Amino acid sequence: MSTPYQDAQRIGQDAVRAVILDRAISLLVAEGSAALTVRRIAAEIGSSTKVLYTMFGGKEGLLDALYREGFARLRRAQEQVPRGDDPLAHLTELGRAYRERAIAEPAYYRVMFEQPAPGFRPSDEALAVADGAFGASVAAVDACMAAGVFRPGDAREVSHLFWAATHGAVSLELAGHFAPAEAGARYEALMAALGRAFGTGTPSPDERSAP
């Protein structure tokens, strides 16, 4: 009987990487970072430790790869959202895709936004992958501004504000503070409120504070 590693090896290097990361994140969630050792993963997938050291360099490299993989999956999910003719509807759909991805893969969400192991710090490459995951959101905000749906401004900054707010709601939901029956409606209400906050009919903070 073949091992998961041997099965993946017959498909190609990407499949080998995927089977290693899938096992790594399963161990991380089930047993914590102490279980995330090269020797343990190699034993469970039926490979040599040399394979993992060659591909990832050790535990820190594995964590970094999991971090990058989480954001790469988010980017792919965002890029698959149809653009359509309504830029605000597109931005809203991107927000829904963010929540759906987090609910579908909470383990990756944990690696992306929580500290999965003491002392872990993403590499510069991993941080660049994370930043690139939100390109579709920045472009959608920019389209809203160009169409006159949003007030003119810094599309990247507004996109980050959308991210901060929606991330908070998703995190509360995953932590069990929002019951499933009410979490979806609250998330939708939050996105609608954000859209109104930056809409052309709403005064900016500077305008509201002006005498």
Protein backbone atom coordinates (compact mmCIF):
# COMPACT_ATOMS: atom_id res chain seq x y z
CA MET A 1 0.00 0.00 0.00
CA SER A 2 1.40 3.38 -0.99
CA THR A 3 1.89 6.29 1.40
CA PRO A 4 0.33 9.76 0.97
CA TYR A 5 3.78 11.02 -0.03
CA GLN A 6 4.17 8.36 -2.73
CA ASP A 7 0.70 9.08 -4.09
CA ALA A 8 1.49 12.79 -4.26
CA GLN A 9 4.91 12.19 -5.75
CA ARG A 10 3.34 10.49 -8.74
CA ILE A 11 1.31 13.64 -9.42
CA GLY A 12 4.07 16.19 -9.01
CA GLN A 13 5.87 18.60 -6.72
CA ASP A 14 2.82 20.77 -6.10
CA ALA A 15 0.91 17.73 -4.86
CA VAL A 16 3.78 16.80 -2.54
CA ARG A 17 3.79 20.32 -1.11
CA ALA A 18 0.01 20.19 -0.64
CA VAL A 19 0.04 16.86 1.22
CA ILE A 20 2.76 18.14 3.56
CA LEU A 21 0.93 21.39 4.30
CA ASP A 22 -2.41 19.62 4.78
CA ARG A 23 -0.87 17.28 7.34
CA ALA A 24 1.02 20.11 9.02
CA ILE A 25 -2.05 22.25 9.54
CA SER A 26 -4.06 19.26 10.79
CA LEU A 27 -1.41 18.58 13.43
CA LEU A 28 -1.19 22.25 14.35
CA VAL A 29 -4.92 22.49 14.99
CA ALA A 30 -5.31 19.11 16.70
CA GLU A 31 -2.23 19.12 18.91
CA GLY A 32 -0.66 22.57 18.85
CA SER A 33 2.67 23.83 17.59
CA ALA A 34 4.67 21.30 19.63
CA ALA A 35 3.41 18.55 17.29
CA LEU A 36 4.61 20.42 14.22
CA THR A 37 7.99 18.73 13.80
CA VAL A 38 9.66 17.62 10.61
CA ARG A 39 10.10 14.11 11.96
CA ARG A 40 6.42 13.77 12.93
CA ILE A 41 5.09 15.03 9.59
CA ALA A 42 7.50 12.89 7.60
CA ALA A 43 6.42 9.79 9.54
CA GLU A 44 2.74 10.48 8.99
CA ILE A 45 2.96 11.03 5.23
CA GLY A 46 5.58 8.33 4.68
CA SER A 47 8.49 10.43 3.46
CA SER A 48 12.02 11.05 4.63
CA THR A 49 12.79 14.08 6.75
CA LYS A 50 15.14 15.20 3.99
CA VAL A 51 12.15 15.90 1.74
CA LEU A 52 10.70 18.36 4.25
CA TYR A 53 14.02 19.98 5.05
CA THR A 54 14.70 20.46 1.35
CA MET A 55 11.30 22.02 0.68
CA PHE A 56 10.78 24.06 3.86
CA GLY A 57 14.01 24.14 5.85
CA GLY A 58 12.37 23.12 9.13
CA LYS A 59 9.50 24.06 11.43
CA GLU A 60 9.82 27.81 10.91
CA GLY A 61 9.72 27.31 7.16
CA LEU A 62 6.63 25.14 7.48
CA LEU A 63 4.81 27.80 9.48
CA ASP A 64 5.84 30.42 6.95
CA ALA A 65 4.57 28.22 4.12
CA LEU A 66 1.23 27.69 5.90
CA TYR A 67 0.92 31.46 6.36
CA ARG A 68 1.60 32.08 2.68
CA GLU A 69 -0.76 29.28 1.62
CA GLY A 70 -3.61 30.75 3.64
CA PHE A 71 -3.29 34.12 1.96
CA ALA A 72 -2.78 32.56 -1.46
CA ARG A 73 -6.07 30.70 -1.03
CA LEU A 74 -7.80 33.91 0.02
CA ARG A 75 -6.41 35.73 -3.03
CA ARG A 76 -7.67 32.99 -5.35
CA ALA A 77 -11.12 33.12 -3.74
CA GLN A 78 -11.23 36.91 -4.16
CA GLU A 79 -10.11 36.76 -7.78
CA GLN A 80 -12.87 34.29 -8.59
CA VAL A 81 -15.61 36.75 -7.58
CA PRO A 82 -17.27 38.07 -10.78
CA ARG A 83 -16.85 41.80 -11.28
CA GLY A 84 -20.19 42.72 -12.85
CA ASP A 85 -21.27 46.30 -13.58
CA ASP A 86 -21.93 47.43 -10.01
CA PRO A 87 -18.65 48.18 -8.18
CA LEU A 88 -20.29 48.32 -4.75
CA ALA A 89 -21.98 44.96 -5.31
CA HIS A 90 -18.60 43.55 -6.33
CA LEU A 91 -16.97 44.91 -3.17
CA THR A 92 -19.78 43.38 -1.10
CA GLU A 93 -19.27 40.01 -2.77
CA LEU A 94 -15.56 40.19 -1.98
CA GLY A 95 -16.49 40.68 1.66
CA ARG A 96 -18.74 37.63 1.54
CA ALA A 97 -15.95 35.60 -0.03
CA TYR A 98 -13.66 36.63 2.83
CA ARG A 99 -16.13 35.34 5.42
CA GLU A 100 -16.85 32.15 3.50
CA ARG A 101 -13.15 31.35 3.19
CA ALA A 102 -12.61 31.89 6.92
CA ILE A 103 -15.53 29.62 7.84
CA ALA A 104 -14.49 26.94 5.35
CA GLU A 105 -10.86 26.87 6.51
CA PRO A 106 -10.65 28.18 10.08
CA ALA A 107 -7.29 26.47 10.60
CA TYR A 108 -5.66 28.59 7.92
CA TYR A 109 -7.43 31.66 9.27
CA ARG A 110 -5.80 30.97 12.63
CA VAL A 111 -2.34 30.72 11.06
CA MET A 112 -2.91 33.91 9.07
CA PHE A 113 -4.19 36.11 11.87
CA GLU A 114 -3.23 34.55 15.18
CA GLN A 115 0.17 33.54 16.47
CA PRO A 116 0.26 29.81 15.59
CA ALA A 117 3.51 29.19 17.49
CA PRO A 118 5.46 31.19 20.08
CA GLY A 119 7.96 33.48 18.44
CA PHE A 120 6.80 32.90 14.86
CA ARG A 121 7.20 35.90 12.58
CA PRO A 122 6.26 35.76 8.89
CA SER A 123 9.09 36.33 6.44
CA ASP A 124 9.17 39.40 4.20
CA GLU A 125 8.10 37.18 1.30
CA ALA A 126 5.14 35.88 3.29
CA LEU A 127 4.09 39.40 4.28
CA ALA A 128 4.21 40.41 0.61
CA VAL A 129 1.93 37.48 -0.27
CA ALA A 130 -0.45 38.57 2.50
CA ASP A 131 -0.52 42.14 1.22
CA GLY A 132 -1.17 40.96 -2.33
CA ALA A 133 -4.20 38.96 -1.25
CA PHE A 134 -6.23 42.16 -1.01
CA GLY A 135 -5.50 43.56 -4.45
CA ALA A 136 -9.04 42.77 -5.64
CA SER A 137 -10.51 44.66 -2.69
CA VAL A 138 -8.37 47.74 -3.33
CA ALA A 139 -9.35 47.66 -7.00
CA ALA A 140 -13.04 47.36 -6.09
CA VAL A 141 -12.86 50.36 -3.75
CA ASP A 142 -11.04 52.33 -6.45
CA ALA A 143 -13.81 51.41 -8.91
CA CYS A 144 -16.42 52.66 -6.43
CA MET A 145 -14.59 55.97 -6.19
CA ALA A 146 -14.21 56.25 -9.96
CA ALA A 147 -17.93 55.58 -10.43
CA GLY A 148 -18.89 58.24 -7.88
CA VAL A 149 -20.33 55.66 -5.47
CA PHE A 150 -17.68 56.48 -2.86
CA ARG A 151 -16.10 59.82 -2.04
CA PRO A 152 -12.64 60.32 -3.57
CA GLY A 153 -9.81 59.18 -1.34
CA ASP A 154 -7.10 56.62 -0.77
CA ALA A 155 -8.55 53.34 -2.07
CA ARG A 156 -5.95 51.27 -0.25
CA GLU A 157 -6.69 52.91 3.08
CA VAL A 158 -10.45 52.52 2.68
CA SER A 159 -9.94 48.88 1.70
CA HIS A 160 -7.95 48.35 4.90
CA LEU A 161 -10.77 49.87 6.94
CA PHE A 162 -13.23 47.48 5.32
CA TRP A 163 -10.85 44.64 6.12
CA ALA A 164 -10.43 45.71 9.75
CA ALA A 165 -14.17 45.87 10.33
CA THR A 166 -15.13 42.66 8.55
CA HIS A 167 -12.19 40.79 10.06
CA GLY A 168 -13.45 41.70 13.52
CA ALA A 169 -16.90 40.31 12.76
CA VAL A 170 -15.49 37.09 11.31
CA SER A 171 -13.16 36.61 14.27
CA LEU A 172 -16.03 36.99 16.72
CA GLU A 173 -18.06 34.48 14.75
CA LEU A 174 -15.25 31.91 14.66
CA ALA A 175 -14.66 32.37 18.39
CA GLY A 176 -18.30 31.50 19.04
CA HIS A 177 -19.45 34.93 20.19
CA PHE A 178 -21.95 35.19 17.33
CA ALA A 179 -24.35 32.29 16.91
CA PRO A 180 -24.49 30.90 13.35
CA ALA A 181 -28.15 31.91 13.00
CA GLU A 182 -27.34 35.59 13.56
CA ALA A 183 -23.74 35.92 12.35
CA GLY A 184 -24.59 36.11 8.65
CA ALA A 185 -27.17 38.85 9.08
CA ARG A 186 -24.81 40.88 11.27
CA TYR A 187 -22.05 40.56 8.71
CA GLU A 188 -24.34 41.73 5.92
CA ALA A 189 -25.50 44.68 8.04
CA LEU A 190 -21.90 45.62 8.76
CA MET A 191 -20.94 45.61 5.09
CA ALA A 192 -23.98 47.72 4.21
CA ALA A 193 -23.06 50.21 6.94
CA LEU A 194 -19.49 50.44 5.64
CA GLY A 195 -20.78 51.12 2.15
CA ARG A 196 -22.94 53.95 3.45
CA ALA A 197 -20.09 55.36 5.54
CA PHE A 198 -17.92 55.96 2.48
CA GLY A 199 -20.76 56.82 0.12
CA THR A 200 -20.97 60.19 -1.59
CA GLY A 201 -24.03 61.10 0.44
CA THR A 202 -22.15 60.84 3.76
CA PRO A 203 -19.98 63.74 5.00
CA SER A 204 -16.32 62.88 5.56
CA PRO A 205 -14.88 63.08 9.11
CA ASP A 206 -13.18 66.37 8.23
CA GLU A 207 -16.45 67.81 6.96
CA ARG A 208 -18.32 66.71 10.06
CA SER A 209 -15.77 68.37 12.36
CA ALA A 210 -15.65 71.62 10.40
CA PRO A 211 -17.22 74.68 12.18
